[in-house]
Amino acid sequence: IGESHLKLTLSDGAGPGLDAILFGAFDGPLGPALENSGHRRFHLAGRLELNHWNGRTRVQLRVEDAAAV
């Protein structure tokens, strides 16, 4: 996904994951923090939206902010 975007799959391990995307992720410290987080937990803020791609429609979270727990 573009050089400055970060695509994530969010999961609590109990069910299917939720796709998430952070546009402009590497324009600041948030993208690298999430990319290098390993399995640490984060509180995420954002909004749910429909992602229409390749003939499919899926719900995804557009991440706007995050904080390590």
N, C-alpha and C. Protein backbone atom coordinates (compact mmCIF):
# COMPACT_ATOMS: atom_id res chain seq x y z
N ILE A 1 0.87 -1.17 0.00
CA ILE A 1 0.00 0.00 0.00
C ILE A 1 0.91 1.22 0.00
N GLY A 2 1.00 1.99 -0.94
CA GLY A 2 1.80 3.22 -0.99
C GLY A 2 2.94 3.26 0.01
N GLU A 3 3.92 4.08 -0.26
CA GLU A 3 5.10 4.14 0.60
C GLU A 3 4.84 4.77 1.96
N SER A 4 3.82 5.62 2.06
CA SER A 4 3.60 6.30 3.34
C SER A 4 2.38 5.77 4.09
N HIS A 5 1.76 4.70 3.59
CA HIS A 5 0.58 4.13 4.24
C HIS A 5 0.95 2.83 4.95
N LEU A 6 0.20 2.51 6.00
CA LEU A 6 0.43 1.28 6.75
C LEU A 6 -0.88 0.51 6.84
N LYS A 7 -0.87 -0.73 6.40
CA LYS A 7 -2.04 -1.61 6.46
C LYS A 7 -1.83 -2.57 7.61
N LEU A 8 -2.84 -2.72 8.47
CA LEU A 8 -2.76 -3.55 9.66
C LEU A 8 -3.93 -4.52 9.70
N THR A 9 -3.78 -5.60 10.42
CA THR A 9 -4.90 -6.47 10.78
C THR A 9 -4.97 -6.48 12.29
N LEU A 10 -6.10 -6.05 12.82
CA LEU A 10 -6.29 -5.96 14.27
C LEU A 10 -6.98 -7.23 14.75
N SER A 11 -6.52 -7.76 15.88
CA SER A 11 -7.11 -9.00 16.38
C SER A 11 -6.93 -9.09 17.89
N ASP A 12 -7.94 -9.70 18.53
CA ASP A 12 -7.80 -10.01 19.94
C ASP A 12 -7.50 -11.49 20.13
N GLY A 13 -7.34 -12.21 19.02
CA GLY A 13 -7.03 -13.63 19.07
C GLY A 13 -8.24 -14.52 19.23
N ALA A 14 -9.42 -13.94 19.44
CA ALA A 14 -10.62 -14.74 19.68
C ALA A 14 -11.52 -14.85 18.46
N GLY A 15 -11.25 -14.11 17.42
CA GLY A 15 -12.12 -14.15 16.25
C GLY A 15 -11.40 -13.59 15.05
N PRO A 16 -12.15 -13.39 13.98
CA PRO A 16 -11.51 -12.85 12.77
C PRO A 16 -10.99 -11.43 13.02
N GLY A 17 -9.94 -11.08 12.33
CA GLY A 17 -9.34 -9.76 12.50
C GLY A 17 -10.12 -8.69 11.76
N LEU A 18 -9.78 -7.46 12.04
CA LEU A 18 -10.36 -6.29 11.39
C LEU A 18 -9.24 -5.59 10.65
N ASP A 19 -9.44 -5.35 9.36
CA ASP A 19 -8.45 -4.60 8.58
C ASP A 19 -8.42 -3.16 9.06
N ALA A 20 -7.25 -2.56 9.05
CA ALA A 20 -7.09 -1.16 9.42
C ALA A 20 -6.06 -0.54 8.49
N ILE A 21 -6.19 0.76 8.28
CA ILE A 21 -5.22 1.47 7.44
C ILE A 21 -4.91 2.81 8.08
N LEU A 22 -3.67 3.20 7.97
CA LEU A 22 -3.20 4.50 8.46
C LEU A 22 -2.54 5.21 7.30
N PHE A 23 -3.23 6.21 6.75
CA PHE A 23 -2.69 6.98 5.64
C PHE A 23 -1.67 7.98 6.16
N GLY A 24 -0.60 8.19 5.41
CA GLY A 24 0.45 9.11 5.83
C GLY A 24 1.15 8.64 7.09
N ALA A 25 1.20 7.33 7.29
CA ALA A 25 1.71 6.75 8.52
C ALA A 25 3.15 7.15 8.82
N PHE A 26 3.95 7.32 7.78
CA PHE A 26 5.37 7.56 8.00
C PHE A 26 5.74 9.03 7.88
N ASP A 27 4.71 9.89 7.92
CA ASP A 27 4.95 11.34 7.95
C ASP A 27 5.22 11.81 9.38
N GLY A 28 5.08 10.92 10.35
CA GLY A 28 5.30 11.24 11.76
C GLY A 28 5.69 9.97 12.50
N PRO A 29 5.67 10.00 13.83
CA PRO A 29 6.15 8.87 14.62
C PRO A 29 5.16 7.71 14.75
N LEU A 30 3.88 7.92 14.42
CA LEU A 30 2.87 6.90 14.66
C LEU A 30 3.08 5.64 13.82
N GLY A 31 3.35 5.79 12.54
CA GLY A 31 3.55 4.64 11.66
C GLY A 31 4.69 3.75 12.11
N PRO A 32 5.89 4.31 12.34
CA PRO A 32 6.99 3.46 12.81
C PRO A 32 6.70 2.80 14.16
N ALA A 33 6.01 3.50 15.05
CA ALA A 33 5.68 2.92 16.36
C ALA A 33 4.79 1.70 16.20
N LEU A 34 3.78 1.79 15.33
CA LEU A 34 2.89 0.66 15.10
C LEU A 34 3.59 -0.46 14.34
N GLU A 35 4.38 -0.09 13.34
CA GLU A 35 5.06 -1.09 12.52
C GLU A 35 6.05 -1.92 13.33
N ASN A 36 6.69 -1.32 14.31
CA ASN A 36 7.71 -1.99 15.11
C ASN A 36 7.20 -2.42 16.48
N SER A 37 5.89 -2.54 16.62
CA SER A 37 5.29 -2.79 17.94
C SER A 37 5.35 -4.24 18.39
N GLY A 38 5.65 -5.17 17.49
CA GLY A 38 5.60 -6.58 17.88
C GLY A 38 4.17 -6.95 18.23
N HIS A 39 3.98 -7.50 19.40
CA HIS A 39 2.63 -7.89 19.83
C HIS A 39 2.12 -7.00 20.97
N ARG A 40 2.68 -5.80 21.09
CA ARG A 40 2.19 -4.89 22.13
C ARG A 40 0.77 -4.45 21.81
N ARG A 41 0.04 -4.05 22.83
CA ARG A 41 -1.34 -3.60 22.66
C ARG A 41 -1.38 -2.08 22.55
N PHE A 42 -2.36 -1.62 21.77
CA PHE A 42 -2.57 -0.19 21.57
C PHE A 42 -4.05 0.14 21.71
N HIS A 43 -4.34 1.32 22.20
CA HIS A 43 -5.68 1.90 22.07
C HIS A 43 -5.66 2.65 20.75
N LEU A 44 -6.64 2.40 19.89
CA LEU A 44 -6.71 3.06 18.59
C LEU A 44 -7.92 3.96 18.52
N ALA A 45 -7.77 5.08 17.85
CA ALA A 45 -8.88 5.99 17.58
C ALA A 45 -8.98 6.14 16.07
N GLY A 46 -10.19 6.12 15.57
CA GLY A 46 -10.39 6.26 14.13
C GLY A 46 -11.86 6.12 13.80
N ARG A 47 -12.12 5.79 12.55
CA ARG A 47 -13.52 5.61 12.14
C ARG A 47 -13.63 4.41 11.22
N LEU A 48 -14.75 3.73 11.33
CA LEU A 48 -15.02 2.59 10.46
C LEU A 48 -15.50 3.10 9.12
N GLU A 49 -15.07 2.43 8.06
CA GLU A 49 -15.49 2.80 6.72
C GLU A 49 -15.55 1.54 5.86
N LEU A 50 -16.21 1.64 4.73
CA LEU A 50 -16.26 0.55 3.77
C LEU A 50 -15.12 0.70 2.78
N ASN A 51 -14.39 -0.36 2.57
CA ASN A 51 -13.30 -0.38 1.61
C ASN A 51 -13.75 -1.19 0.40
N HIS A 52 -13.94 -0.53 -0.73
CA HIS A 52 -14.34 -1.20 -1.96
C HIS A 52 -13.08 -1.40 -2.79
N TRP A 53 -12.66 -2.66 -2.94
CA TRP A 53 -11.44 -2.94 -3.69
C TRP A 53 -11.53 -4.32 -4.32
N ASN A 54 -11.14 -4.40 -5.56
CA ASN A 54 -11.05 -5.67 -6.29
C ASN A 54 -12.38 -6.42 -6.29
N GLY A 55 -13.48 -5.68 -6.42
CA GLY A 55 -14.80 -6.30 -6.48
C GLY A 55 -15.37 -6.75 -5.15
N ARG A 56 -14.69 -6.43 -4.06
CA ARG A 56 -15.16 -6.81 -2.73
C ARG A 56 -15.34 -5.57 -1.87
N THR A 57 -16.23 -5.68 -0.91
CA THR A 57 -16.46 -4.61 0.05
C THR A 57 -16.23 -5.17 1.44
N ARG A 58 -15.35 -4.49 2.19
CA ARG A 58 -15.03 -4.92 3.55
C ARG A 58 -15.04 -3.72 4.47
N VAL A 59 -15.32 -3.97 5.73
CA VAL A 59 -15.23 -2.92 6.75
C VAL A 59 -13.76 -2.81 7.16
N GLN A 60 -13.29 -1.57 7.30
CA GLN A 60 -11.94 -1.35 7.81
C GLN A 60 -11.95 -0.16 8.74
N LEU A 61 -10.96 -0.09 9.60
CA LEU A 61 -10.78 1.04 10.49
C LEU A 61 -9.75 1.97 9.89
N ARG A 62 -10.13 3.23 9.71
CA ARG A 62 -9.15 4.24 9.28
C ARG A 62 -8.57 4.83 10.56
N VAL A 63 -7.34 4.46 10.87
CA VAL A 63 -6.69 4.86 12.12
C VAL A 63 -6.31 6.34 12.05
N GLU A 64 -6.65 7.07 13.10
CA GLU A 64 -6.31 8.49 13.18
C GLU A 64 -5.32 8.77 14.30
N ASP A 65 -5.31 7.91 15.33
CA ASP A 65 -4.37 8.09 16.44
C ASP A 65 -4.25 6.78 17.20
N ALA A 66 -3.20 6.65 17.97
CA ALA A 66 -2.97 5.43 18.75
C ALA A 66 -2.13 5.77 19.97
N ALA A 67 -2.30 4.96 21.01
CA ALA A 67 -1.49 5.09 22.22
C ALA A 67 -1.17 3.70 22.74
N ALA A 68 0.07 3.47 23.09
CA ALA A 68 0.46 2.17 23.66
C ALA A 68 -0.22 1.99 25.01
N VAL A 69 -0.60 0.76 25.29
CA VAL A 69 -1.26 0.44 26.56
C VAL A 69 -0.21 -0.03 27.54
